[in-house]
Amino acid sequence: MNTRTPKESLTILTDLVLPGETNPLDNLFGGELLARMDRASSIAARRHCKRIVVTATVNHVAFTKAVPVGSVLTIEAKVSRAFRSSMEIFVDVWIEDRESGERSKVNEGIYTFVAVNEMGTPVKVPEIIPETDLEKERFDGALRRKQLSLVLSKKMKPSDATELRSLFIED
């Protein structure tokens, strides 16, 4: 199975925030943003593995700034790490200033998708080779995030979470 780079999965969705998608404060509903992030992530995961993909988890979402009605919203998603059948997708959300056109980051999230066959059985996905410093940082962090999730769900013993332990125990 061939290896791939994060940029091969890059997915960029740009859209306008309309009044029917906003709350009483005229800001984009959080659930609407999550749905858009999920769609972008699923496309990135599918581009990486060329298979059917399903959302396994939404590991992290940080709403750092409101997205007002009329905003031009851009969602960028790409695979940060591939495991056996799962892929972590990192999502960055930006809005453009109406007058200057400058972009500011308003949200980020981490989704996990699993590649499956037509029967819904998980299948192996290609490995990923990060290239940029940010891709390498996200790649390294993905294993720690996966181990933390497994420990919290009691699917892994804390003593077996070697990447997590390395953060707290000096050699």
N, C-alpha and C. Protein backbone atom coordinates (compact mmCIF):
# COMPACT_ATOMS: atom_id res chain seq x y z
N MET A 1 0.85 -1.18 0.00
CA MET A 1 0.00 0.00 0.00
C MET A 1 0.90 1.24 0.00
N ASN A 2 0.62 2.16 -0.89
CA ASN A 2 1.42 3.37 -1.03
C ASN A 2 1.26 4.31 0.16
N THR A 3 2.32 5.07 0.43
CA THR A 3 2.22 6.11 1.46
C THR A 3 1.74 7.39 0.78
N ARG A 4 1.22 8.28 1.57
CA ARG A 4 0.73 9.56 1.05
C ARG A 4 1.19 10.68 1.97
N THR A 5 1.05 11.90 1.47
CA THR A 5 1.38 13.08 2.27
C THR A 5 0.09 13.78 2.68
N PRO A 6 0.13 14.58 3.74
CA PRO A 6 -1.07 15.31 4.15
C PRO A 6 -1.64 16.20 3.04
N LYS A 7 -0.76 16.83 2.25
CA LYS A 7 -1.27 17.76 1.24
C LYS A 7 -2.13 17.06 0.18
N GLU A 8 -1.95 15.74 0.01
CA GLU A 8 -2.76 15.00 -0.95
C GLU A 8 -4.21 14.88 -0.50
N SER A 9 -4.46 15.06 0.79
CA SER A 9 -5.82 14.97 1.31
C SER A 9 -6.44 16.34 1.54
N LEU A 10 -5.67 17.40 1.33
CA LEU A 10 -6.16 18.75 1.64
C LEU A 10 -7.51 19.02 0.98
N THR A 11 -8.45 19.47 1.80
CA THR A 11 -9.78 19.82 1.34
C THR A 11 -10.09 21.22 1.84
N ILE A 12 -10.51 22.08 0.93
CA ILE A 12 -10.85 23.46 1.29
C ILE A 12 -12.28 23.72 0.84
N LEU A 13 -13.13 24.05 1.81
CA LEU A 13 -14.51 24.42 1.53
C LEU A 13 -14.70 25.88 1.90
N THR A 14 -15.20 26.68 0.98
CA THR A 14 -15.47 28.09 1.24
C THR A 14 -16.95 28.35 0.97
N ASP A 15 -17.59 29.04 1.90
CA ASP A 15 -19.02 29.27 1.79
C ASP A 15 -19.38 30.56 2.52
N LEU A 16 -20.58 31.02 2.28
CA LEU A 16 -21.10 32.22 2.90
C LEU A 16 -22.05 31.83 4.03
N VAL A 17 -22.00 32.54 5.15
CA VAL A 17 -22.91 32.30 6.26
C VAL A 17 -24.20 33.08 6.01
N LEU A 18 -25.30 32.34 5.88
CA LEU A 18 -26.60 32.95 5.57
C LEU A 18 -27.45 33.12 6.82
N PRO A 19 -28.44 34.02 6.77
CA PRO A 19 -29.26 34.30 7.96
C PRO A 19 -29.97 33.07 8.54
N GLY A 20 -30.41 32.14 7.71
CA GLY A 20 -31.10 30.96 8.20
C GLY A 20 -30.20 29.98 8.95
N GLU A 21 -28.90 30.24 8.97
CA GLU A 21 -27.94 29.35 9.63
C GLU A 21 -27.41 29.95 10.94
N THR A 22 -28.07 31.02 11.38
CA THR A 22 -27.54 31.75 12.54
C THR A 22 -28.51 31.71 13.73
N ASN A 23 -27.94 32.01 14.88
CA ASN A 23 -28.71 32.06 16.13
C ASN A 23 -29.29 33.47 16.31
N PRO A 24 -29.98 33.72 17.44
CA PRO A 24 -30.57 35.05 17.66
C PRO A 24 -29.55 36.19 17.72
N LEU A 25 -28.28 35.88 17.91
CA LEU A 25 -27.23 36.91 17.91
C LEU A 25 -26.64 37.13 16.52
N ASP A 26 -27.23 36.47 15.52
CA ASP A 26 -26.77 36.55 14.13
C ASP A 26 -25.37 35.97 13.93
N ASN A 27 -25.05 34.94 14.73
CA ASN A 27 -23.81 34.20 14.56
C ASN A 27 -24.13 32.77 14.13
N LEU A 28 -23.25 32.17 13.36
CA LEU A 28 -23.44 30.82 12.86
C LEU A 28 -23.69 29.84 14.01
N PHE A 29 -24.73 29.00 13.88
CA PHE A 29 -24.97 27.95 14.85
C PHE A 29 -23.74 27.05 14.95
N GLY A 30 -23.37 26.66 16.18
CA GLY A 30 -22.24 25.75 16.36
C GLY A 30 -22.45 24.42 15.65
N GLY A 31 -23.66 23.91 15.69
CA GLY A 31 -23.96 22.64 15.03
C GLY A 31 -23.80 22.71 13.53
N GLU A 32 -24.14 23.85 12.96
CA GLU A 32 -23.96 24.05 11.51
C GLU A 32 -22.48 24.04 11.16
N LEU A 33 -21.68 24.69 12.01
CA LEU A 33 -20.24 24.69 11.77
C LEU A 33 -19.67 23.28 11.91
N LEU A 34 -20.12 22.54 12.92
CA LEU A 34 -19.64 21.16 13.10
C LEU A 34 -19.98 20.31 11.89
N ALA A 35 -21.16 20.48 11.32
CA ALA A 35 -21.55 19.71 10.14
C ALA A 35 -20.65 20.03 8.96
N ARG A 36 -20.34 21.29 8.78
CA ARG A 36 -19.45 21.69 7.67
C ARG A 36 -18.05 21.11 7.88
N MET A 37 -17.59 21.15 9.13
CA MET A 37 -16.26 20.60 9.44
C MET A 37 -16.25 19.08 9.19
N ASP A 38 -17.33 18.41 9.55
CA ASP A 38 -17.44 16.97 9.35
C ASP A 38 -17.39 16.63 7.85
N ARG A 39 -18.10 17.41 7.04
CA ARG A 39 -18.08 17.16 5.59
C ARG A 39 -16.68 17.35 5.01
N ALA A 40 -16.01 18.43 5.40
CA ALA A 40 -14.66 18.67 4.89
C ALA A 40 -13.71 17.56 5.34
N SER A 41 -13.84 17.14 6.60
CA SER A 41 -13.00 16.06 7.12
C SER A 41 -13.24 14.75 6.39
N SER A 42 -14.50 14.46 6.09
CA SER A 42 -14.80 13.20 5.42
C SER A 42 -14.21 13.18 4.01
N ILE A 43 -14.22 14.32 3.34
CA ILE A 43 -13.62 14.39 2.01
C ILE A 43 -12.11 14.18 2.11
N ALA A 44 -11.48 14.82 3.10
CA ALA A 44 -10.03 14.65 3.28
C ALA A 44 -9.68 13.19 3.56
N ALA A 45 -10.45 12.55 4.43
CA ALA A 45 -10.19 11.14 4.76
C ALA A 45 -10.37 10.26 3.53
N ARG A 46 -11.42 10.53 2.79
CA ARG A 46 -11.68 9.73 1.57
C ARG A 46 -10.58 9.92 0.54
N ARG A 47 -10.10 11.15 0.39
CA ARG A 47 -9.00 11.41 -0.54
C ARG A 47 -7.75 10.63 -0.14
N HIS A 48 -7.54 10.51 1.16
CA HIS A 48 -6.35 9.81 1.64
C HIS A 48 -6.41 8.31 1.34
N CYS A 49 -7.54 7.70 1.65
CA CYS A 49 -7.59 6.24 1.57
C CYS A 49 -8.34 5.70 0.36
N LYS A 50 -9.05 6.56 -0.36
CA LYS A 50 -9.81 6.13 -1.55
C LYS A 50 -10.84 5.06 -1.21
N ARG A 51 -11.44 5.17 -0.04
CA ARG A 51 -12.44 4.20 0.43
C ARG A 51 -13.63 4.95 1.03
N ILE A 52 -14.67 4.20 1.38
CA ILE A 52 -15.78 4.75 2.14
C ILE A 52 -15.24 5.07 3.54
N VAL A 53 -15.63 6.20 4.09
CA VAL A 53 -15.18 6.57 5.43
C VAL A 53 -16.37 6.95 6.29
N VAL A 54 -16.25 6.67 7.57
CA VAL A 54 -17.30 7.03 8.53
C VAL A 54 -16.68 7.78 9.69
N THR A 55 -17.43 8.73 10.23
CA THR A 55 -16.96 9.50 11.38
C THR A 55 -16.93 8.58 12.60
N ALA A 56 -15.78 8.51 13.26
CA ALA A 56 -15.66 7.70 14.47
C ALA A 56 -15.78 8.59 15.71
N THR A 57 -15.06 9.70 15.72
CA THR A 57 -15.11 10.60 16.86
C THR A 57 -14.88 12.04 16.43
N VAL A 58 -15.40 12.94 17.22
CA VAL A 58 -15.01 14.35 17.16
C VAL A 58 -14.20 14.54 18.43
N ASN A 59 -12.89 14.57 18.27
CA ASN A 59 -12.00 14.53 19.42
C ASN A 59 -11.84 15.88 20.11
N HIS A 60 -11.94 16.93 19.35
CA HIS A 60 -11.69 18.24 19.93
C HIS A 60 -12.28 19.30 19.01
N VAL A 61 -12.96 20.25 19.60
CA VAL A 61 -13.42 21.42 18.85
C VAL A 61 -13.25 22.62 19.77
N ALA A 62 -12.68 23.68 19.23
CA ALA A 62 -12.51 24.91 20.01
C ALA A 62 -13.18 26.05 19.27
N PHE A 63 -14.26 26.56 19.85
CA PHE A 63 -14.94 27.72 19.28
C PHE A 63 -14.28 28.95 19.90
N THR A 64 -13.40 29.59 19.17
CA THR A 64 -12.65 30.70 19.75
C THR A 64 -13.20 32.06 19.37
N LYS A 65 -14.00 32.13 18.31
CA LYS A 65 -14.54 33.41 17.88
C LYS A 65 -15.86 33.16 17.15
N ALA A 66 -16.83 34.04 17.38
CA ALA A 66 -18.12 33.92 16.71
C ALA A 66 -17.96 34.15 15.21
N VAL A 67 -18.85 33.51 14.44
CA VAL A 67 -18.85 33.66 12.99
C VAL A 67 -20.14 34.40 12.61
N PRO A 68 -20.04 35.71 12.32
CA PRO A 68 -21.24 36.49 12.06
C PRO A 68 -21.88 36.20 10.70
N VAL A 69 -23.19 36.46 10.63
CA VAL A 69 -23.92 36.32 9.37
C VAL A 69 -23.21 37.16 8.30
N GLY A 70 -23.16 36.63 7.09
CA GLY A 70 -22.50 37.33 6.00
C GLY A 70 -21.03 37.02 5.86
N SER A 71 -20.46 36.30 6.83
CA SER A 71 -19.02 35.98 6.78
C SER A 71 -18.72 35.02 5.64
N VAL A 72 -17.55 35.20 5.06
CA VAL A 72 -17.00 34.21 4.15
C VAL A 72 -16.19 33.26 5.03
N LEU A 73 -16.63 32.01 5.06
CA LEU A 73 -16.07 30.99 5.94
C LEU A 73 -15.27 29.99 5.10
N THR A 74 -14.05 29.72 5.52
CA THR A 74 -13.21 28.74 4.82
C THR A 74 -12.79 27.67 5.80
N ILE A 75 -13.03 26.42 5.43
CA ILE A 75 -12.67 25.27 6.25
C ILE A 75 -11.60 24.49 5.51
N GLU A 76 -10.48 24.27 6.20
CA GLU A 76 -9.36 23.51 5.62
C GLU A 76 -9.16 22.26 6.46
N ALA A 77 -9.21 21.10 5.80
CA ALA A 77 -9.05 19.83 6.49
C ALA A 77 -8.01 18.99 5.77
N LYS A 78 -7.19 18.29 6.56
CA LYS A 78 -6.28 17.31 5.97
C LYS A 78 -5.88 16.28 7.00
N VAL A 79 -5.53 15.12 6.52
CA VAL A 79 -5.16 14.01 7.39
C VAL A 79 -3.86 14.37 8.10
N SER A 80 -3.87 14.23 9.43
CA SER A 80 -2.65 14.50 10.20
C SER A 80 -1.89 13.22 10.53
N ARG A 81 -2.63 12.10 10.62
CA ARG A 81 -1.96 10.81 10.86
C ARG A 81 -2.92 9.68 10.48
N ALA A 82 -2.34 8.61 9.96
CA ALA A 82 -3.11 7.42 9.63
C ALA A 82 -2.64 6.28 10.52
N PHE A 83 -3.59 5.53 11.03
CA PHE A 83 -3.28 4.36 11.85
C PHE A 83 -3.64 3.13 11.02
N ARG A 84 -4.08 2.05 11.62
CA ARG A 84 -4.40 0.86 10.84
C ARG A 84 -5.58 1.09 9.90
N SER A 85 -6.73 1.41 10.46
CA SER A 85 -7.90 1.68 9.62
C SER A 85 -8.48 3.07 9.89
N SER A 86 -7.92 3.77 10.85
CA SER A 86 -8.43 5.09 11.20
C SER A 86 -7.47 6.19 10.77
N MET A 87 -8.03 7.37 10.64
CA MET A 87 -7.26 8.55 10.26
C MET A 87 -7.69 9.72 11.13
N GLU A 88 -6.71 10.48 11.62
CA GLU A 88 -7.02 11.70 12.33
C GLU A 88 -6.98 12.84 11.32
N ILE A 89 -8.01 13.66 11.33
CA ILE A 89 -8.09 14.80 10.42
C ILE A 89 -8.11 16.07 11.26
N PHE A 90 -7.21 16.97 10.96
CA PHE A 90 -7.14 18.26 11.65
C PHE A 90 -7.86 19.29 10.78
N VAL A 91 -8.73 20.08 11.39
CA VAL A 91 -9.54 21.04 10.66
C VAL A 91 -9.27 22.45 11.21
N ASP A 92 -9.00 23.37 10.31
CA ASP A 92 -8.84 24.78 10.66
C ASP A 92 -9.96 25.57 10.00
N VAL A 93 -10.56 26.51 10.75
CA VAL A 93 -11.67 27.29 10.24
C VAL A 93 -11.29 28.77 10.28
N TRP A 94 -11.50 29.44 9.15
CA TRP A 94 -11.10 30.84 8.99
C TRP A 94 -12.29 31.67 8.51
N ILE A 95 -12.30 32.96 8.87
CA ILE A 95 -13.22 33.91 8.25
C ILE A 95 -12.40 35.05 7.67
N GLU A 96 -12.99 35.69 6.66
CA GLU A 96 -12.32 36.82 6.03
C GLU A 96 -12.94 38.12 6.53
N ASP A 97 -12.09 39.11 6.79
CA ASP A 97 -12.58 40.43 7.14
C ASP A 97 -13.26 41.01 5.90
N ARG A 98 -14.44 41.56 6.08
CA ARG A 98 -15.23 42.04 4.94
C ARG A 98 -14.55 43.15 4.16
N GLU A 99 -13.78 43.98 4.85
CA GLU A 99 -13.17 45.13 4.17
C GLU A 99 -11.75 44.84 3.72
N SER A 100 -10.91 44.28 4.60
CA SER A 100 -9.51 44.07 4.24
C SER A 100 -9.26 42.76 3.52
N GLY A 101 -10.15 41.78 3.72
CA GLY A 101 -9.95 40.47 3.11
C GLY A 101 -9.00 39.59 3.90
N GLU A 102 -8.45 40.13 5.01
CA GLU A 102 -7.53 39.34 5.83
C GLU A 102 -8.28 38.21 6.53
N ARG A 103 -7.61 37.06 6.63
CA ARG A 103 -8.23 35.92 7.28
C ARG A 103 -7.83 35.84 8.74
N SER A 104 -8.79 35.38 9.57
CA SER A 104 -8.48 35.12 10.97
C SER A 104 -9.05 33.75 11.33
N LYS A 105 -8.30 33.03 12.15
CA LYS A 105 -8.72 31.70 12.55
C LYS A 105 -9.78 31.83 13.65
N VAL A 106 -10.91 31.14 13.47
CA VAL A 106 -12.00 31.23 14.43
C VAL A 106 -12.30 29.91 15.12
N ASN A 107 -11.76 28.82 14.60
CA ASN A 107 -12.10 27.51 15.14
C ASN A 107 -11.10 26.50 14.64
N GLU A 108 -10.99 25.41 15.39
CA GLU A 108 -10.24 24.25 14.91
C GLU A 108 -10.86 23.01 15.52
N GLY A 109 -10.61 21.90 14.90
CA GLY A 109 -11.15 20.66 15.41
C GLY A 109 -10.34 19.48 14.95
N ILE A 110 -10.53 18.36 15.63
CA ILE A 110 -9.85 17.12 15.28
C ILE A 110 -10.91 16.03 15.19
N TYR A 111 -11.00 15.44 14.04
CA TYR A 111 -11.97 14.37 13.78
C TYR A 111 -11.21 13.08 13.53
N THR A 112 -11.85 11.95 13.83
CA THR A 112 -11.29 10.65 13.48
C THR A 112 -12.28 9.93 12.58
N PHE A 113 -11.78 9.43 11.49
CA PHE A 113 -12.58 8.66 10.54
C PHE A 113 -12.00 7.27 10.41
N VAL A 114 -12.86 6.32 10.09
CA VAL A 114 -12.44 4.94 9.85
C VAL A 114 -12.82 4.59 8.42
N ALA A 115 -11.89 3.97 7.71
CA ALA A 115 -12.16 3.49 6.35
C ALA A 115 -12.83 2.12 6.46
N VAL A 116 -13.87 1.94 5.66
CA VAL A 116 -14.60 0.67 5.68
C VAL A 116 -14.85 0.18 4.26
N ASN A 117 -15.13 -1.12 4.15
CA ASN A 117 -15.53 -1.67 2.87
C ASN A 117 -17.05 -1.55 2.71
N GLU A 118 -17.58 -2.13 1.65
CA GLU A 118 -19.01 -2.01 1.37
C GLU A 118 -19.89 -2.69 2.43
N MET A 119 -19.31 -3.56 3.23
CA MET A 119 -20.04 -4.24 4.30
C MET A 119 -19.91 -3.51 5.64
N GLY A 120 -19.13 -2.43 5.64
CA GLY A 120 -18.95 -1.67 6.87
C GLY A 120 -17.81 -2.18 7.75
N THR A 121 -17.01 -3.09 7.23
CA THR A 121 -15.88 -3.64 7.98
C THR A 121 -14.66 -2.74 7.79
N PRO A 122 -13.96 -2.39 8.88
CA PRO A 122 -12.77 -1.55 8.75
C PRO A 122 -11.72 -2.17 7.84
N VAL A 123 -11.05 -1.32 7.06
CA VAL A 123 -10.00 -1.76 6.15
C VAL A 123 -8.75 -0.92 6.38
N LYS A 124 -7.63 -1.46 6.00
CA LYS A 124 -6.33 -0.80 6.18
C LYS A 124 -6.24 0.45 5.31
N VAL A 125 -5.58 1.47 5.85
CA VAL A 125 -5.39 2.73 5.12
C VAL A 125 -3.90 2.96 4.90
N PRO A 126 -3.54 3.76 3.88
CA PRO A 126 -2.13 4.06 3.62
C PRO A 126 -1.50 4.86 4.77
N GLU A 127 -0.22 4.66 4.97
CA GLU A 127 0.51 5.47 5.95
C GLU A 127 0.66 6.88 5.40
N ILE A 128 0.99 7.79 6.30
CA ILE A 128 1.16 9.18 5.89
C ILE A 128 2.56 9.66 6.26
N ILE A 129 3.13 10.48 5.41
CA ILE A 129 4.45 11.04 5.66
C ILE A 129 4.32 12.56 5.73
N PRO A 130 4.42 13.13 6.94
CA PRO A 130 4.30 14.59 7.07
C PRO A 130 5.52 15.28 6.47
N GLU A 131 5.30 16.47 5.92
CA GLU A 131 6.40 17.20 5.27
C GLU A 131 6.74 18.50 5.98
N THR A 132 5.76 19.32 6.31
CA THR A 132 6.04 20.62 6.92
C THR A 132 6.20 20.47 8.43
N ASP A 133 6.71 21.51 9.06
CA ASP A 133 6.86 21.49 10.52
C ASP A 133 5.51 21.32 11.21
N LEU A 134 4.49 22.02 10.74
CA LEU A 134 3.16 21.90 11.34
C LEU A 134 2.60 20.49 11.15
N GLU A 135 2.79 19.92 9.96
CA GLU A 135 2.33 18.54 9.71
C GLU A 135 3.04 17.56 10.63
N LYS A 136 4.34 17.76 10.86
CA LYS A 136 5.10 16.88 11.74
C LYS A 136 4.63 17.02 13.19
N GLU A 137 4.34 18.25 13.60
CA GLU A 137 3.86 18.50 14.96
C GLU A 137 2.50 17.82 15.17
N ARG A 138 1.61 17.97 14.22
CA ARG A 138 0.29 17.34 14.32
C ARG A 138 0.39 15.83 14.24
N PHE A 139 1.28 15.32 13.40
CA PHE A 139 1.50 13.87 13.28
C PHE A 139 1.96 13.29 14.61
N ASP A 140 2.95 13.93 15.24
CA ASP A 140 3.46 13.45 16.53
C ASP A 140 2.38 13.52 17.61
N GLY A 141 1.63 14.59 17.63
CA GLY A 141 0.58 14.75 18.63
C GLY A 141 -0.57 13.77 18.47
N ALA A 142 -0.78 13.29 17.25
CA ALA A 142 -1.90 12.38 16.98
C ALA A 142 -1.79 11.08 17.78
N LEU A 143 -0.60 10.55 17.93
CA LEU A 143 -0.44 9.31 18.69
C LEU A 143 -0.76 9.54 20.17
N ARG A 144 -0.32 10.68 20.71
CA ARG A 144 -0.64 11.01 22.10
C ARG A 144 -2.15 11.17 22.28
N ARG A 145 -2.80 11.85 21.33
CA ARG A 145 -4.24 12.03 21.42
C ARG A 145 -4.98 10.69 21.33
N LYS A 146 -4.49 9.81 20.47
CA LYS A 146 -5.12 8.50 20.34
C LYS A 146 -4.94 7.70 21.63
N GLN A 147 -3.74 7.71 22.18
CA GLN A 147 -3.50 6.98 23.42
C GLN A 147 -4.34 7.54 24.56
N LEU A 148 -4.47 8.85 24.65
CA LEU A 148 -5.29 9.46 25.70
C LEU A 148 -6.74 9.01 25.56
N SER A 149 -7.24 9.01 24.35
CA SER A 149 -8.62 8.57 24.10
C SER A 149 -8.81 7.12 24.50
N LEU A 150 -7.84 6.27 24.17
CA LEU A 150 -7.92 4.85 24.52
C LEU A 150 -7.85 4.64 26.03
N VAL A 151 -7.01 5.41 26.71
CA VAL A 151 -6.91 5.29 28.17
C VAL A 151 -8.22 5.74 28.81
N LEU A 152 -8.76 6.87 28.36
CA LEU A 152 -10.00 7.38 28.94
C LEU A 152 -11.19 6.44 28.71
N SER A 153 -11.18 5.73 27.60
CA SER A 153 -12.27 4.78 27.32
C SER A 153 -11.98 3.39 27.88
N LYS A 154 -10.87 3.29 28.63
CA LYS A 154 -10.46 2.03 29.27
C LYS A 154 -10.15 0.91 28.26
N LYS A 155 -9.73 1.31 27.06
CA LYS A 155 -9.32 0.34 26.05
C LYS A 155 -7.81 0.15 26.05
N MET A 156 -7.12 0.95 26.87
CA MET A 156 -5.66 0.85 27.01
C MET A 156 -5.30 1.14 28.46
N LYS A 157 -4.35 0.40 28.99
CA LYS A 157 -3.87 0.67 30.33
C LYS A 157 -2.98 1.91 30.29
N PRO A 158 -3.08 2.78 31.29
CA PRO A 158 -2.21 3.96 31.31
C PRO A 158 -0.73 3.59 31.21
N SER A 159 -0.33 2.48 31.79
CA SER A 159 1.07 2.08 31.73
C SER A 159 1.53 1.71 30.32
N ASP A 160 0.58 1.39 29.43
CA ASP A 160 0.91 1.04 28.05
C ASP A 160 0.94 2.26 27.12
N ALA A 161 0.51 3.40 27.61
CA ALA A 161 0.47 4.62 26.80
C ALA A 161 1.84 5.28 26.81
N THR A 162 2.77 4.69 26.08
CA THR A 162 4.17 5.11 26.11
C THR A 162 4.38 6.56 25.68
N GLU A 163 3.65 7.00 24.67
CA GLU A 163 3.81 8.38 24.20
C GLU A 163 3.32 9.38 25.25
N LEU A 164 2.24 9.05 25.92
CA LEU A 164 1.74 9.92 27.00
C LEU A 164 2.69 9.92 28.18
N ARG A 165 3.16 8.74 28.55
CA ARG A 165 4.07 8.64 29.70
C ARG A 165 5.33 9.46 29.46
N SER A 166 5.79 9.52 28.22
CA SER A 166 7.03 10.26 27.93
C SER A 166 6.89 11.75 28.20
N LEU A 167 5.66 12.25 28.22
CA LEU A 167 5.44 13.67 28.53
C LEU A 167 5.64 13.97 30.00
N PHE A 168 5.44 12.93 30.86
CA PHE A 168 5.45 13.16 32.30
C PHE A 168 6.62 12.52 33.03
N ILE A 169 7.25 11.54 32.43
CA ILE A 169 8.32 10.81 33.10
C ILE A 169 9.64 11.11 32.38
N GLU A 170 10.60 11.62 33.15
CA GLU A 170 11.92 11.90 32.58
C GLU A 170 12.77 10.65 32.63
N ASP A 171 13.57 10.48 31.61
CA ASP A 171 14.49 9.32 31.57
C ASP A 171 15.73 9.56 32.39
